[in-house]
C-alpha cells in the first residue's frame, strides 16, 4: 500500500469514528476530553451497577465493552466474547450500545416506550443510543434496560437468532 493510500485510509477512519487503541478502561477514559470523560464515567458507574452477574467489563472493539466471556459461552460466530452492552466516545457524540435489548423485540419496544416517556430527545440507531450530554440520557431507563435480561436469557436469545439466520 502506498503512503498516499495509507494516509487516505487513516483520514477516512478518523473522520467516521473514534476507535481507541487503549488496552484498559482507565487508559480509555484518560485519553478522553474532560467533559466527555466525566459523562462517560457517570454512565459507566450506572452500567456497572446494572449489568447482570456473569457479564464482565473489558476493552474490546475500541470501546468499553460488557461481555459474556468465552469461558462462559465459547460458541460465538466470530470467536469473540458475546457482547452484551458497550460504551463509547465517537467523533460527534457518545454512545451506549445495548445489544441486550435488541435480542428481544418486546424488550426493545418497552425500552423505546420508556425512553420516549422520559421526555429526553431520543437518538437511537440499530444497536446504540447516541447522546451529546449526560443530561440528555435517561440513565434510569438505560439501567432498567440492562437489568431486563439475565446472561442465560441473553445466550438463549442469541442462540435462537443464530438458528434463524
C-alpha atoms as a PDB file:
ATOM      1  CA  UNK A   1       0.000   0.000   0.000  1.00  0.00           C
ATOM      2  CA  UNK A   2       1.397   3.406  -0.899  1.00  0.00           C
ATOM      3  CA  UNK A   3       1.831   6.058   1.758  1.00  0.00           C
ATOM      4  CA  UNK A   4      -0.784   8.160  -0.051  1.00  0.00           C
ATOM      5  CA  UNK A   5      -3.345   5.333   0.183  1.00  0.00           C
ATOM      6  CA  UNK A   6      -2.419   4.738   3.813  1.00  0.00           C
ATOM      7  CA  UNK A   7      -2.918   8.438   4.583  1.00  0.00           C
ATOM      8  CA  UNK A   8      -6.314   8.453   2.835  1.00  0.00           C
ATOM      9  CA  UNK A   9      -7.469   5.401   4.812  1.00  0.00           C
ATOM     10  CA  UNK A  10      -6.320   6.895   8.124  1.00  0.00           C
ATOM     11  CA  UNK A  11      -8.082  10.179   7.320  1.00  0.00           C
ATOM     12  CA  UNK A  12     -11.335   8.340   6.437  1.00  0.00           C
ATOM     13  CA  UNK A  13     -11.171   6.254   9.617  1.00  0.00           C
ATOM     14  CA  UNK A  14     -10.537   9.315  11.761  1.00  0.00           C
ATOM     15  CA  UNK A  15     -13.436  11.187  10.162  1.00  0.00           C
ATOM     16  CA  UNK A  16     -16.035   8.447  10.586  1.00  0.00           C
ATOM     17  CA  UNK A  17     -15.366   7.026  14.048  1.00  0.00           C
ATOM     18  CA  UNK A  18     -13.177   7.201  17.095  1.00  0.00           C
ATOM     19  CA  UNK A  19     -11.632   3.803  17.715  1.00  0.00           C
ATOM     20  CA  UNK A  20      -9.351   3.711  20.701  1.00  0.00           C
ATOM     21  CA  UNK A  21      -6.246   1.584  20.951  1.00  0.00           C
ATOM     22  CA  UNK A  22      -6.434   1.692  24.772  1.00  0.00           C
ATOM     23  CA  UNK A  23      -5.897  -1.653  26.477  1.00  0.00           C
ATOM     24  CA  UNK A  24      -7.627  -0.793  29.764  1.00  0.00           C
ATOM     25  CA  UNK A  25     -10.741   1.114  30.744  1.00  0.00           C
ATOM     26  CA  UNK A  26      -8.636   3.549  32.795  1.00  0.00           C
ATOM     27  CA  UNK A  27      -6.425   4.243  29.771  1.00  0.00           C
ATOM     28  CA  UNK A  28      -9.505   4.731  27.570  1.00  0.00           C
ATOM     29  CA  UNK A  29     -11.038   7.225  29.992  1.00  0.00           C
ATOM     30  CA  UNK A  30      -7.732   9.074  30.422  1.00  0.00           C
ATOM     31  CA  UNK A  31      -7.491   9.794  26.701  1.00  0.00           C
ATOM     32  CA  UNK A  32     -10.923  11.472  26.549  1.00  0.00           C
ATOM     33  CA  UNK A  33     -11.599  15.210  26.743  1.00  0.00           C
ATOM     34  CA  UNK A  34     -12.543  16.238  30.303  1.00  0.00           C
ATOM     35  CA  UNK A  35     -16.222  16.899  29.590  1.00  0.00           C
ATOM     36  CA  UNK A  36     -16.757  13.570  27.878  1.00  0.00           C
ATOM     37  CA  UNK A  37     -14.692  11.668  30.435  1.00  0.00           C
ATOM     38  CA  UNK A  38     -16.949  12.926  33.219  1.00  0.00           C
ATOM     39  CA  UNK A  39     -20.117  11.998  31.348  1.00  0.00           C
ATOM     40  CA  UNK A  40     -18.847   8.540  30.396  1.00  0.00           C
ATOM     41  CA  UNK A  41     -17.646   7.881  33.946  1.00  0.00           C
ATOM     42  CA  UNK A  42     -21.177   8.526  35.230  1.00  0.00           C
ATOM     43  CA  UNK A  43     -22.715   6.268  32.569  1.00  0.00           C
ATOM     44  CA  UNK A  44     -20.062   3.620  33.269  1.00  0.00           C
ATOM     45  CA  UNK A  45     -20.890   3.610  37.001  1.00  0.00           C
ATOM     46  CA  UNK A  46     -24.545   3.189  36.105  1.00  0.00           C
ATOM     47  CA  UNK A  47     -23.746   0.313  33.746  1.00  0.00           C
ATOM     48  CA  UNK A  48     -21.568  -1.422  36.338  1.00  0.00           C
ATOM     49  CA  UNK A  49     -24.392  -1.177  38.869  1.00  0.00           C
ATOM     50  CA  UNK A  50     -26.879  -2.697  36.418  1.00  0.00           C
ATOM     51  CA  UNK A  51     -25.053  -5.426  34.479  1.00  0.00           C
ATOM     52  CA  UNK A  52     -26.069  -8.938  35.468  1.00  0.00           C
ATOM     53  CA  UNK A  53     -23.742 -11.390  37.141  1.00  0.00           C
ATOM     54  CA  UNK A  54     -21.621 -13.167  34.536  1.00  0.00           C
ATOM     55  CA  UNK A  55     -21.005 -10.075  32.390  1.00  0.00           C
ATOM     56  CA  UNK A  56     -17.516  -8.562  32.638  1.00  0.00           C
ATOM     57  CA  UNK A  57     -16.211  -5.124  31.780  1.00  0.00           C
ATOM     58  CA  UNK A  58     -13.268  -5.039  29.382  1.00  0.00           C
ATOM     59  CA  UNK A  59     -11.807  -3.132  26.460  1.00  0.00           C
ATOM     60  CA  UNK A  60     -12.774  -4.643  23.112  1.00  0.00           C
ATOM     61  CA  UNK A  61     -13.693  -3.237  19.709  1.00  0.00           C
ATOM     62  CA  UNK A  62     -12.007   0.047  20.708  1.00  0.00           C
ATOM     63  CA  UNK A  63     -14.580   0.799  23.416  1.00  0.00           C
ATOM     64  CA  UNK A  64     -15.611  -0.163  26.934  1.00  0.00           C
ATOM     65  CA  UNK A  65     -17.347  -3.489  26.474  1.00  0.00           C
ATOM     66  CA  UNK A  66     -19.603  -5.506  28.743  1.00  0.00           C
ATOM     67  CA  UNK A  67     -19.256  -9.090  27.578  1.00  0.00           C
ATOM     68  CA  UNK A  68     -20.030 -12.667  28.384  1.00  0.00           C
ATOM     69  CA  UNK A  69     -16.552 -14.260  28.472  1.00  0.00           C
ATOM     70  CA  UNK A  70     -15.629 -17.117  26.166  1.00  0.00           C
ATOM     71  CA  UNK A  71     -15.120 -19.304  29.241  1.00  0.00           C
ATOM     72  CA  UNK A  72     -18.864 -18.941  29.925  1.00  0.00           C
ATOM     73  CA  UNK A  73     -20.033 -19.087  26.304  1.00  0.00           C
ATOM     74  CA  UNK A  74     -17.455 -20.067  23.657  1.00  0.00           C
ATOM     75  CA  UNK A  75     -19.821 -20.761  20.726  1.00  0.00           C
ATOM     76  CA  UNK A  76     -19.933 -17.290  19.174  1.00  0.00           C
ATOM     77  CA  UNK A  77     -19.969 -16.862  15.397  1.00  0.00           C
ATOM     78  CA  UNK A  78     -16.745 -14.806  15.416  1.00  0.00           C
ATOM     79  CA  UNK A  79     -14.767 -16.397  18.255  1.00  0.00           C
ATOM     80  CA  UNK A  80     -15.076 -13.191  20.316  1.00  0.00           C
ATOM     81  CA  UNK A  81     -16.831 -12.848  23.677  1.00  0.00           C
ATOM     82  CA  UNK A  82     -20.575 -12.297  23.354  1.00  0.00           C
ATOM     83  CA  UNK A  83     -21.189  -8.547  23.532  1.00  0.00           C
ATOM     84  CA  UNK A  84     -23.947  -7.606  25.981  1.00  0.00           C
ATOM     85  CA  UNK A  85     -23.504  -3.816  26.018  1.00  0.00           C
ATOM     86  CA  UNK A  86     -20.811  -1.211  25.395  1.00  0.00           C
ATOM     87  CA  UNK A  87     -19.940   2.419  25.965  1.00  0.00           C
ATOM     88  CA  UNK A  88     -18.014   4.590  23.518  1.00  0.00           C
ATOM     89  CA  UNK A  89     -16.881   8.065  22.638  1.00  0.00           C
ATOM     90  CA  UNK A  90     -17.496   8.893  18.985  1.00  0.00           C
ATOM     91  CA  UNK A  91     -16.500  11.950  16.990  1.00  0.00           C
ATOM     92  CA  UNK A  92     -19.788  13.829  17.353  1.00  0.00           C
ATOM     93  CA  UNK A  93     -21.484  12.016  20.215  1.00  0.00           C
ATOM     94  CA  UNK A  94     -21.138   9.392  22.902  1.00  0.00           C
ATOM     95  CA  UNK A  95     -22.965   6.088  22.608  1.00  0.00           C
ATOM     96  CA  UNK A  96     -24.349   3.299  24.745  1.00  0.00           C
ATOM     97  CA  UNK A  97     -24.646   0.064  22.782  1.00  0.00           C
ATOM     98  CA  UNK A  98     -27.429  -2.114  24.174  1.00  0.00           C
ATOM     99  CA  UNK A  99     -27.191  -5.453  22.427  1.00  0.00           C
ATOM    100  CA  UNK A 100     -29.050  -6.902  25.395  1.00  0.00           C
ATOM    101  CA  UNK A 101     -32.308  -5.179  24.424  1.00  0.00           C
ATOM    102  CA  UNK A 102     -32.055  -5.816  20.704  1.00  0.00           C
ATOM    103  CA  UNK A 103     -32.132  -9.566  21.281  1.00  0.00           C
ATOM    104  CA  UNK A 104     -35.834  -9.399  22.113  1.00  0.00           C
ATOM    105  CA  UNK A 105     -38.338  -7.214  20.181  1.00  0.00           C
ATOM    106  CA  UNK A 106     -40.617  -6.879  23.222  1.00  0.00           C
ATOM    107  CA  UNK A 107     -37.792  -5.647  25.439  1.00  0.00           C
ATOM    108  CA  UNK A 108     -36.655  -3.224  22.742  1.00  0.00           C
ATOM    109  CA  UNK A 109     -40.169  -1.805  22.357  1.00  0.00           C
ATOM    110  CA  UNK A 110     -40.531  -1.409  26.128  1.00  0.00           C
ATOM    111  CA  UNK A 111     -37.192   0.415  26.185  1.00  0.00           C
ATOM    112  CA  UNK A 112     -38.232   2.759  23.367  1.00  0.00           C
ATOM    113  CA  UNK A 113     -41.573   3.468  25.078  1.00  0.00           C
ATOM    114  CA  UNK A 114     -39.854   4.253  28.409  1.00  0.00           C
ATOM    115  CA  UNK A 115     -37.258   6.391  26.659  1.00  0.00           C
ATOM    116  CA  UNK A 116     -39.963   8.390  24.838  1.00  0.00           C
ATOM    117  CA  UNK A 117     -41.832   8.884  28.126  1.00  0.00           C
ATOM    118  CA  UNK A 118     -38.667  10.308  29.731  1.00  0.00           C
ATOM    119  CA  UNK A 119     -39.036  13.464  27.598  1.00  0.00           C
ATOM    120  CA  UNK A 120     -35.367  13.277  26.624  1.00  0.00           C
ATOM    121  CA  UNK A 121     -34.540  13.556  22.917  1.00  0.00           C
ATOM    122  CA  UNK A 122     -34.330  10.013  21.563  1.00  0.00           C
ATOM    123  CA  UNK A 123     -31.474   9.391  19.136  1.00  0.00           C
ATOM    124  CA  UNK A 124     -31.192   5.650  18.696  1.00  0.00           C
ATOM    125  CA  UNK A 125     -29.671   3.551  15.966  1.00  0.00           C
ATOM    126  CA  UNK A 126     -29.774  -0.124  15.184  1.00  0.00           C
ATOM    127  CA  UNK A 127     -27.886  -1.024  18.356  1.00  0.00           C
ATOM    128  CA  UNK A 128     -26.951   2.247  20.017  1.00  0.00           C
ATOM    129  CA  UNK A 129     -28.272   5.188  21.952  1.00  0.00           C
ATOM    130  CA  UNK A 130     -26.444   8.368  20.973  1.00  0.00           C
ATOM    131  CA  UNK A 131     -26.133  11.363  23.284  1.00  0.00           C
ATOM    132  CA  UNK A 132     -24.101  14.559  23.347  1.00  0.00           C
ATOM    133  CA  UNK A 133     -24.510  15.450  27.021  1.00  0.00           C
ATOM    134  CA  UNK A 134     -25.254  13.375  30.089  1.00  0.00           C
ATOM    135  CA  UNK A 135     -28.342  15.474  30.829  1.00  0.00           C
ATOM    136  CA  UNK A 136     -29.882  14.157  27.607  1.00  0.00           C
ATOM    137  CA  UNK A 137     -29.552  10.496  28.575  1.00  0.00           C
ATOM    138  CA  UNK A 138     -32.222   8.994  30.864  1.00  0.00           C
ATOM    139  CA  UNK A 139     -29.868   6.852  32.979  1.00  0.00           C
ATOM    140  CA  UNK A 140     -32.721   5.189  34.858  1.00  0.00           C
ATOM    141  CA  UNK A 141     -34.133   3.919  31.543  1.00  0.00           C
ATOM    142  CA  UNK A 142     -30.695   2.663  30.466  1.00  0.00           C
ATOM    143  CA  UNK A 143     -30.208   0.868  33.802  1.00  0.00           C
ATOM    144  CA  UNK A 144     -33.602  -0.840  33.624  1.00  0.00           C
ATOM    145  CA  UNK A 145     -32.865  -1.955  30.065  1.00  0.00           C
ATOM    146  CA  UNK A 146     -29.543  -3.504  31.103  1.00  0.00           C
ATOM    147  CA  UNK A 147     -31.175  -5.279  34.063  1.00  0.00           C
ATOM    148  CA  UNK A 148     -34.019  -6.766  31.997  1.00  0.00           C
ATOM    149  CA  UNK A 149     -32.167  -9.780  30.639  1.00  0.00           C
ATOM    150  CA  UNK A 150     -30.053 -12.305  32.518  1.00  0.00           C
ATOM    151  CA  UNK A 151     -26.955 -13.826  30.961  1.00  0.00           C
ATOM    152  CA  UNK A 152     -28.792 -17.109  30.419  1.00  0.00           C
ATOM    153  CA  UNK A 153     -31.741 -15.367  28.748  1.00  0.00           C
ATOM    154  CA  UNK A 154     -29.350 -13.409  26.517  1.00  0.00           C
ATOM    155  CA  UNK A 155     -27.486 -16.560  25.483  1.00  0.00           C
ATOM    156  CA  UNK A 156     -30.813 -18.269  24.693  1.00  0.00           C
ATOM    157  CA  UNK A 157     -31.907 -15.284  22.570  1.00  0.00           C
ATOM    158  CA  UNK A 158     -28.523 -15.249  20.812  1.00  0.00           C
ATOM    159  CA  UNK A 159     -28.765 -18.966  20.034  1.00  0.00           C
ATOM    160  CA  UNK A 160     -32.319 -18.566  18.738  1.00  0.00           C
ATOM    161  CA  UNK A 161     -31.212 -15.750  16.426  1.00  0.00           C
ATOM    162  CA  UNK A 162     -28.342 -17.865  15.080  1.00  0.00           C
ATOM    163  CA  UNK A 163     -30.759 -20.706  14.277  1.00  0.00           C
ATOM    164  CA  UNK A 164     -32.979 -18.273  12.306  1.00  0.00           C
ATOM    165  CA  UNK A 165     -30.125 -16.927  10.195  1.00  0.00           C
END
